């Protein structure tokens, strides 16, 4: 990608550095990861991870994130330990997160962790000498998803600068949109937030954009202004984040993207989604060349290879 040419990247700057929040990395760090992801995509190197062990601790269900991490490790020649469901761990016996992290860190070179509680990944990173990668902590952050989103945006748009992004759906509980906003704010992005009142972008993120002097709008009408979009970032309404089932039922079908709605949008516009989808994108959109979410998921393998390799100083 031309955007990444003629840059010098020193991956040792990131060695042994946990990735808990997208703000743990700088703009230059993002670009280093994206350049290395492109290298992994173009020239796979299965020997780079030999004799390394990664522990995947998923206290919350996951398909794409867990499998893409495991695929990334295996493709590089590494080994995996851990669990995909806390019910199969000693948590069911009453073991604390503190004890789990202390014990597991003795068995691995890196911990990848998903947990339903916000701040759990930061807590884990402060307990252990091995680096921790946050694979999602509640409604807080999902930094590796953001980096694969950046890679997907860069591959499809040829740049990260001065783009217009529509974020649609659950902007209150959606950790992916929170992390993506923080990252893309480094590239002079214009944001359009599309959501019902119950799921609006939290005030702290809008305050952050105000401090940076970046433009954003809030709207309820999905169809309004989408012709200006470079990226439409869809999200599902997450039932597991709602304490009130009535509120969930009221908002779950708030926005549905249909193929016809893409008529008149920019030729190079792409639809992204962190997945899984429920019914917020009709299946007829899948055949539209503007649908990119399945390739976006594939990009997660290359990006997570890049993150792991950089943290362990292997690349």
Protein backbone atom coordinates (compact mmCIF):
# COMPACT_ATOMS: atom_id res chain seq x y z
CA UNK A 1 0.00 0.00 0.00
CA UNK A 2 1.50 3.29 -1.15
CA UNK A 3 0.39 5.01 2.06
CA UNK A 4 2.88 2.90 4.02
CA UNK A 5 5.85 3.20 1.66
CA UNK A 6 9.12 4.93 2.55
CA UNK A 7 8.66 4.60 6.31
CA UNK A 8 11.18 3.08 8.74
CA UNK A 9 9.63 0.87 11.39
CA UNK A 10 11.38 -0.20 14.56
CA UNK A 11 9.21 -2.96 15.98
CA UNK A 12 11.41 -3.24 19.10
CA UNK A 13 9.71 -0.09 20.36
CA UNK A 14 6.64 -2.24 21.03
CA UNK A 15 8.37 -5.29 22.49
CA UNK A 16 6.80 -6.63 25.70
CA UNK A 17 4.23 -3.81 25.62
CA UNK A 18 0.70 -4.86 26.54
CA UNK A 19 -2.15 -3.76 24.31
CA UNK A 20 -5.09 -3.02 26.58
CA UNK A 21 -6.49 0.17 25.09
CA UNK A 22 -6.07 1.53 21.59
CA UNK A 23 -4.54 4.59 23.29
CA UNK A 24 -1.64 2.41 24.46
CA UNK A 25 -0.36 2.76 20.90
CA UNK A 26 0.51 5.97 19.09
CA UNK A 27 -0.33 6.91 15.52
CA UNK A 28 3.14 5.72 14.49
CA UNK A 29 2.49 2.41 16.27
CA UNK A 30 -0.70 1.95 14.25
CA UNK A 31 1.22 2.46 11.03
CA UNK A 32 3.95 0.03 12.12
CA UNK A 33 1.35 -2.65 12.79
CA UNK A 34 -0.39 -2.04 9.47
CA UNK A 35 2.89 -2.25 7.56
CA UNK A 36 3.75 -5.53 9.27
CA UNK A 37 0.24 -6.89 8.64
CA UNK A 38 0.73 -6.20 4.95
CA UNK A 39 4.02 -8.09 5.14
CA UNK A 40 2.32 -11.10 6.73
CA UNK A 41 -0.44 -11.03 4.14
CA UNK A 42 2.03 -10.95 1.25
CA UNK A 43 4.78 -13.17 2.68
CA UNK A 44 3.66 -15.58 5.40
CA UNK A 45 6.47 -16.66 7.74
CA UNK A 46 5.40 -19.78 9.68
CA UNK A 47 8.73 -20.17 11.50
CA UNK A 48 8.73 -16.81 13.27
CA UNK A 49 6.80 -18.02 16.31
CA UNK A 50 8.52 -21.34 16.97
CA UNK A 51 8.68 -22.42 20.65
CA UNK A 52 6.36 -19.63 21.78
CA UNK A 53 3.15 -20.26 23.75
CA UNK A 54 0.08 -18.01 23.81
CA UNK A 55 -2.66 -18.38 26.43
CA UNK A 56 -6.13 -17.45 25.19
CA UNK A 57 -8.39 -16.75 28.18
CA UNK A 58 -11.93 -16.12 26.98
CA UNK A 59 -14.23 -15.51 29.94
CA UNK A 60 -16.88 -14.38 27.44
CA UNK A 61 -18.05 -16.09 24.23
CA UNK A 62 -16.17 -15.30 21.02
CA UNK A 63 -15.89 -16.79 17.55
CA UNK A 64 -14.01 -14.49 15.16
CA UNK A 65 -11.66 -12.91 17.69
CA UNK A 66 -10.66 -16.16 19.38
CA UNK A 67 -10.32 -18.17 16.17
CA UNK A 68 -8.41 -15.45 14.35
CA UNK A 69 -5.95 -15.16 17.24
CA UNK A 70 -5.52 -18.92 17.30
CA UNK A 71 -5.14 -19.01 13.52
CA UNK A 72 -2.53 -16.23 13.71
CA UNK A 73 -0.51 -18.13 16.33
CA UNK A 74 -0.69 -21.46 14.50
CA UNK A 75 0.21 -19.92 11.14
CA UNK A 76 3.39 -18.55 12.75
CA UNK A 77 4.32 -21.93 14.26
CA UNK A 78 3.30 -21.19 17.84
CA UNK A 79 1.27 -23.14 20.37
CA UNK A 80 -1.95 -22.31 22.20
CA UNK A 81 -3.23 -23.05 25.69
CA UNK A 82 -6.26 -21.68 27.49
CA UNK A 83 -10.04 -21.89 27.42
CA UNK A 84 -12.90 -20.60 25.30
CA UNK A 85 -15.50 -20.68 28.05
CA UNK A 86 -14.98 -19.76 31.70
CA UNK A 87 -17.23 -22.67 32.69
CA UNK A 88 -14.38 -25.00 31.71
CA UNK A 89 -11.91 -23.22 33.99
CA UNK A 90 -11.36 -23.01 37.73
CA UNK A 91 -13.48 -19.86 37.78
CA UNK A 92 -16.41 -22.22 38.37
CA UNK A 93 -14.67 -23.30 41.59
CA UNK A 94 -14.42 -19.72 42.78
CA UNK A 95 -10.91 -18.90 41.60
CA UNK A 96 -10.33 -15.16 41.32
CA UNK A 97 -9.11 -13.38 38.20
CA UNK A 98 -6.01 -12.43 40.19
CA UNK A 99 -5.12 -16.08 40.83
CA UNK A 100 -5.97 -17.18 37.29
CA UNK A 101 -3.65 -14.58 35.74
CA UNK A 102 -0.86 -15.25 38.22
CA UNK A 103 -0.94 -18.97 37.45
CA UNK A 104 -1.43 -18.83 33.68
CA UNK A 105 1.38 -16.29 33.22
CA UNK A 106 3.81 -18.99 34.40
CA UNK A 107 2.88 -21.15 31.41
CA UNK A 108 3.05 -18.76 28.46
CA UNK A 109 4.82 -15.93 26.67
CA UNK A 110 1.69 -13.86 26.03
CA UNK A 111 -1.89 -13.69 27.30
CA UNK A 112 -4.88 -12.86 25.08
CA UNK A 113 -7.91 -12.18 27.24
CA UNK A 114 -11.59 -11.37 26.80
CA UNK A 115 -13.61 -10.54 29.89
CA UNK A 116 -17.11 -9.10 30.49
CA UNK A 117 -15.89 -6.56 33.06
CA UNK A 118 -14.49 -3.22 31.96
CA UNK A 119 -10.94 -2.77 33.22
CA UNK A 120 -10.26 -6.50 33.61
CA UNK A 121 -7.55 -6.51 30.93
CA UNK A 122 -5.77 -3.53 32.50
CA UNK A 123 -5.93 -5.27 35.88
CA UNK A 124 -4.42 -8.42 34.36
CA UNK A 125 -1.62 -6.48 32.66
CA UNK A 126 -0.59 -5.04 36.02
CA UNK A 127 -0.37 -8.48 37.63
CA UNK A 128 2.00 -10.23 35.26
CA UNK A 129 5.36 -9.76 33.59
CA UNK A 130 4.13 -11.30 30.31
CA UNK A 131 2.32 -8.94 27.93
CA UNK A 132 -1.47 -8.95 27.79
CA UNK A 133 -3.62 -8.30 24.72
CA UNK A 134 -7.15 -7.14 25.41
CA UNK A 135 -9.56 -9.09 23.20
CA UNK A 136 -12.50 -7.10 24.58
CA UNK A 137 -13.44 -5.96 28.08
CA UNK A 138 -17.13 -5.33 28.48
CA UNK A 139 -18.35 -2.22 26.66
CA UNK A 140 -14.95 -0.59 27.03
CA UNK A 141 -12.29 -1.38 24.40
CA UNK A 142 -11.43 -3.84 21.64
CA UNK A 143 -8.07 -2.56 20.32
CA UNK A 144 -7.14 -5.47 18.02
CA UNK A 145 -10.51 -5.14 16.26
CA UNK A 146 -9.70 -1.48 15.74
CA UNK A 147 -6.33 -2.25 14.19
CA UNK A 148 -7.89 -4.71 11.75
CA UNK A 149 -10.53 -2.08 11.01
CA UNK A 150 -7.77 0.42 10.24
CA UNK A 151 -6.11 -2.13 7.97
CA UNK A 152 -9.42 -2.75 6.18
CA UNK A 153 -10.04 0.97 5.74
CA UNK A 154 -6.53 1.54 4.44
CA UNK A 155 -6.74 -1.37 1.99
CA UNK A 156 -10.04 -0.18 0.55
CA UNK A 157 -9.55 3.58 0.61
CA UNK A 158 -5.80 3.85 0.03
CA UNK A 159 -5.49 6.29 2.93
CA UNK A 160 -6.59 6.85 6.51
CA UNK A 161 -6.61 10.63 6.23
CA UNK A 162 -9.62 12.94 5.91
CA UNK A 163 -12.27 10.23 5.54
CA UNK A 164 -15.96 10.34 6.44
CA UNK A 165 -17.18 7.48 8.63
CA UNK A 166 -20.78 6.70 9.54
CA UNK A 167 -21.07 4.68 12.76
CA UNK A 168 -24.49 3.06 12.95
CA UNK A 169 -26.42 1.22 15.65
CA UNK A 170 -25.23 0.55 19.18
CA UNK A 171 -22.84 3.40 19.91
CA UNK A 172 -23.40 3.31 23.67
CA UNK A 173 -22.24 -0.23 24.44
CA UNK A 174 -20.26 -0.93 21.26
CA UNK A 175 -16.62 -1.23 22.32
CA UNK A 176 -15.54 -1.50 18.67
CA UNK A 177 -16.86 1.96 17.79
CA UNK A 178 -15.30 3.46 20.90
CA UNK A 179 -11.85 2.13 20.01
CA UNK A 180 -12.22 2.99 16.32
CA UNK A 181 -13.21 6.56 17.14
CA UNK A 182 -10.09 6.99 19.30
CA UNK A 183 -7.81 5.64 16.58
CA UNK A 184 -9.35 7.40 13.58
CA UNK A 185 -9.35 10.71 15.44
CA UNK A 186 -5.60 10.76 14.70
CA UNK A 187 -6.34 11.04 10.97
CA UNK A 188 -8.66 14.07 10.77
CA UNK A 189 -11.79 11.96 10.34
CA UNK A 190 -15.31 13.35 10.06
CA UNK A 191 -17.78 11.20 12.04
CA UNK A 192 -21.53 10.75 11.66
CA UNK A 193 -23.17 8.96 14.59
CA UNK A 194 -26.45 7.23 13.69
CA UNK A 195 -28.37 5.74 16.61
CA UNK A 196 -31.56 5.94 18.65
CA UNK A 197 -31.44 8.13 21.75
CA UNK A 198 -31.03 5.08 23.98
CA UNK A 199 -27.79 4.05 22.21
CA UNK A 200 -26.08 7.37 21.52
CA UNK A 201 -22.31 7.77 21.58
CA UNK A 202 -21.28 8.41 25.21
CA UNK A 203 -20.53 12.02 26.12
CA UNK A 204 -16.87 11.40 26.94
CA UNK A 205 -16.10 10.40 23.35
CA UNK A 206 -17.86 13.46 21.94
CA UNK A 207 -15.97 15.63 24.43
CA UNK A 208 -12.73 14.07 23.18
CA UNK A 209 -13.60 14.97 19.57
CA UNK A 210 -14.52 18.48 20.64
CA UNK A 211 -11.13 18.88 22.29
CA UNK A 212 -9.46 17.87 19.04
CA UNK A 213 -11.65 20.18 16.98
CA UNK A 214 -12.96 17.30 14.85
CA UNK A 215 -16.33 17.41 13.13
CA UNK A 216 -19.16 15.04 14.01
CA UNK A 217 -22.92 14.90 13.73
CA UNK A 218 -25.59 12.92 15.57
CA UNK A 219 -28.70 11.74 13.76
CA UNK A 220 -31.53 9.24 13.99
CA UNK A 221 -32.21 9.04 10.25
CA UNK A 222 -30.00 6.34 8.70
CA UNK A 223 -30.58 7.44 5.10
CA UNK A 224 -29.60 11.05 5.68
CA UNK A 225 -26.27 12.06 4.08
CA UNK A 226 -24.89 8.53 3.57
CA UNK A 227 -23.93 9.50 0.02
CA UNK A 228 -20.98 11.31 1.62
CA UNK A 229 -19.71 8.20 3.43
CA UNK A 230 -16.37 6.59 2.70
CA UNK A 231 -17.09 3.91 5.33
CA UNK A 232 -20.37 2.75 6.84
CA UNK A 233 -19.55 0.95 10.07
CA UNK A 234 -22.54 -1.16 11.15
CA UNK A 235 -22.93 -2.62 14.64
CA UNK A 236 -25.45 -4.97 16.19
CA UNK A 237 -27.52 -4.10 19.22
CA UNK A 238 -25.87 -6.24 21.87
CA UNK A 239 -28.44 -8.03 23.99
CA UNK A 240 -25.79 -9.12 26.50
CA UNK A 241 -25.01 -5.47 27.40
CA UNK A 242 -28.59 -4.62 28.40
CA UNK A 243 -29.76 -4.96 31.99
CA UNK A 244 -33.29 -4.01 30.90
CA UNK A 245 -34.80 -6.50 28.39
CA UNK A 246 -37.55 -4.01 27.52
CA UNK A 247 -34.97 -1.46 26.40
CA UNK A 248 -33.30 -4.13 24.25
CA UNK A 249 -36.56 -5.13 22.56
CA UNK A 250 -37.33 -1.49 21.85
CA UNK A 251 -34.00 -0.82 20.11
CA UNK A 252 -32.86 -4.15 18.61
CA UNK A 253 -34.24 -3.46 15.12
CA UNK A 254 -33.53 0.26 15.08
CA UNK A 255 -31.42 0.22 11.91
CA UNK A 256 -31.25 -2.31 9.10
CA UNK A 257 -29.01 -1.79 6.05
CA UNK A 258 -30.67 -2.91 2.83
CA UNK A 259 -28.99 -3.25 -0.55
CA UNK A 260 -31.18 -0.57 -2.13
CA UNK A 261 -29.88 1.97 0.39
CA UNK A 262 -26.41 1.73 -1.14
CA UNK A 263 -27.61 3.20 -4.45
CA UNK A 264 -26.03 6.60 -4.90
CA UNK A 265 -23.21 6.05 -2.40
CA UNK A 266 -19.59 6.56 -3.40
CA UNK A 267 -18.19 3.96 -5.78
CA UNK A 268 -15.36 3.11 -3.40
CA UNK A 269 -17.48 3.22 -0.23
CA UNK A 270 -17.27 0.07 1.89
CA UNK A 271 -19.55 -1.42 4.54
CA UNK A 272 -17.74 -2.75 7.59
CA UNK A 273 -19.09 -4.70 10.57
CA UNK A 274 -17.15 -6.25 13.48
CA UNK A 275 -19.58 -9.21 13.42
CA UNK A 276 -21.51 -11.19 14.40
CA UNK A 277 -24.50 -9.66 12.68
CA UNK A 278 -28.05 -10.46 13.68
CA UNK A 279 -30.41 -8.68 11.29
CA UNK A 280 -28.84 -5.21 10.95
CA UNK A 281 -27.46 -6.03 7.47
CA UNK A 282 -29.77 -7.80 5.02
CA UNK A 283 -28.19 -10.77 3.29
CA UNK A 284 -28.86 -9.16 -0.08
CA UNK A 285 -26.09 -6.68 0.78
CA UNK A 286 -23.54 -9.52 0.82
CA UNK A 287 -23.35 -9.69 -2.98
CA UNK A 288 -22.80 -5.96 -3.34
CA UNK A 289 -19.11 -5.13 -4.01
CA UNK A 290 -19.39 -2.46 -1.34
CA UNK A 291 -19.82 -5.16 1.33
CA UNK A 292 -16.43 -5.79 2.91
CA UNK A 293 -17.17 -7.33 6.32
CA UNK A 294 -16.16 -10.92 5.49
CA UNK A 295 -12.79 -9.81 4.08
CA UNK A 296 -12.51 -7.51 7.09
CA UNK A 297 -12.68 -10.62 9.31
CA UNK A 298 -9.92 -12.28 7.27
CA UNK A 299 -7.74 -9.21 7.73
CA UNK A 300 -7.90 -9.92 11.45
CA UNK A 301 -5.50 -12.85 11.05
CA UNK A 302 -2.78 -10.73 9.41
CA UNK A 303 -3.19 -7.89 11.88
CA UNK A 304 -3.13 -10.17 14.91
CA UNK A 305 -0.02 -11.86 13.54
CA UNK A 306 1.55 -8.41 13.32
CA UNK A 307 0.52 -7.45 16.86
CA UNK A 308 1.82 -10.67 18.41
CA UNK A 309 5.07 -10.60 16.44
CA UNK A 310 5.74 -6.99 17.38
CA UNK A 311 4.96 -7.42 21.07
CA UNK A 312 7.26 -10.45 21.33
CA UNK A 313 9.98 -8.76 19.28
CA UNK A 314 9.87 -11.39 16.57
CA UNK A 315 9.57 -8.96 13.69
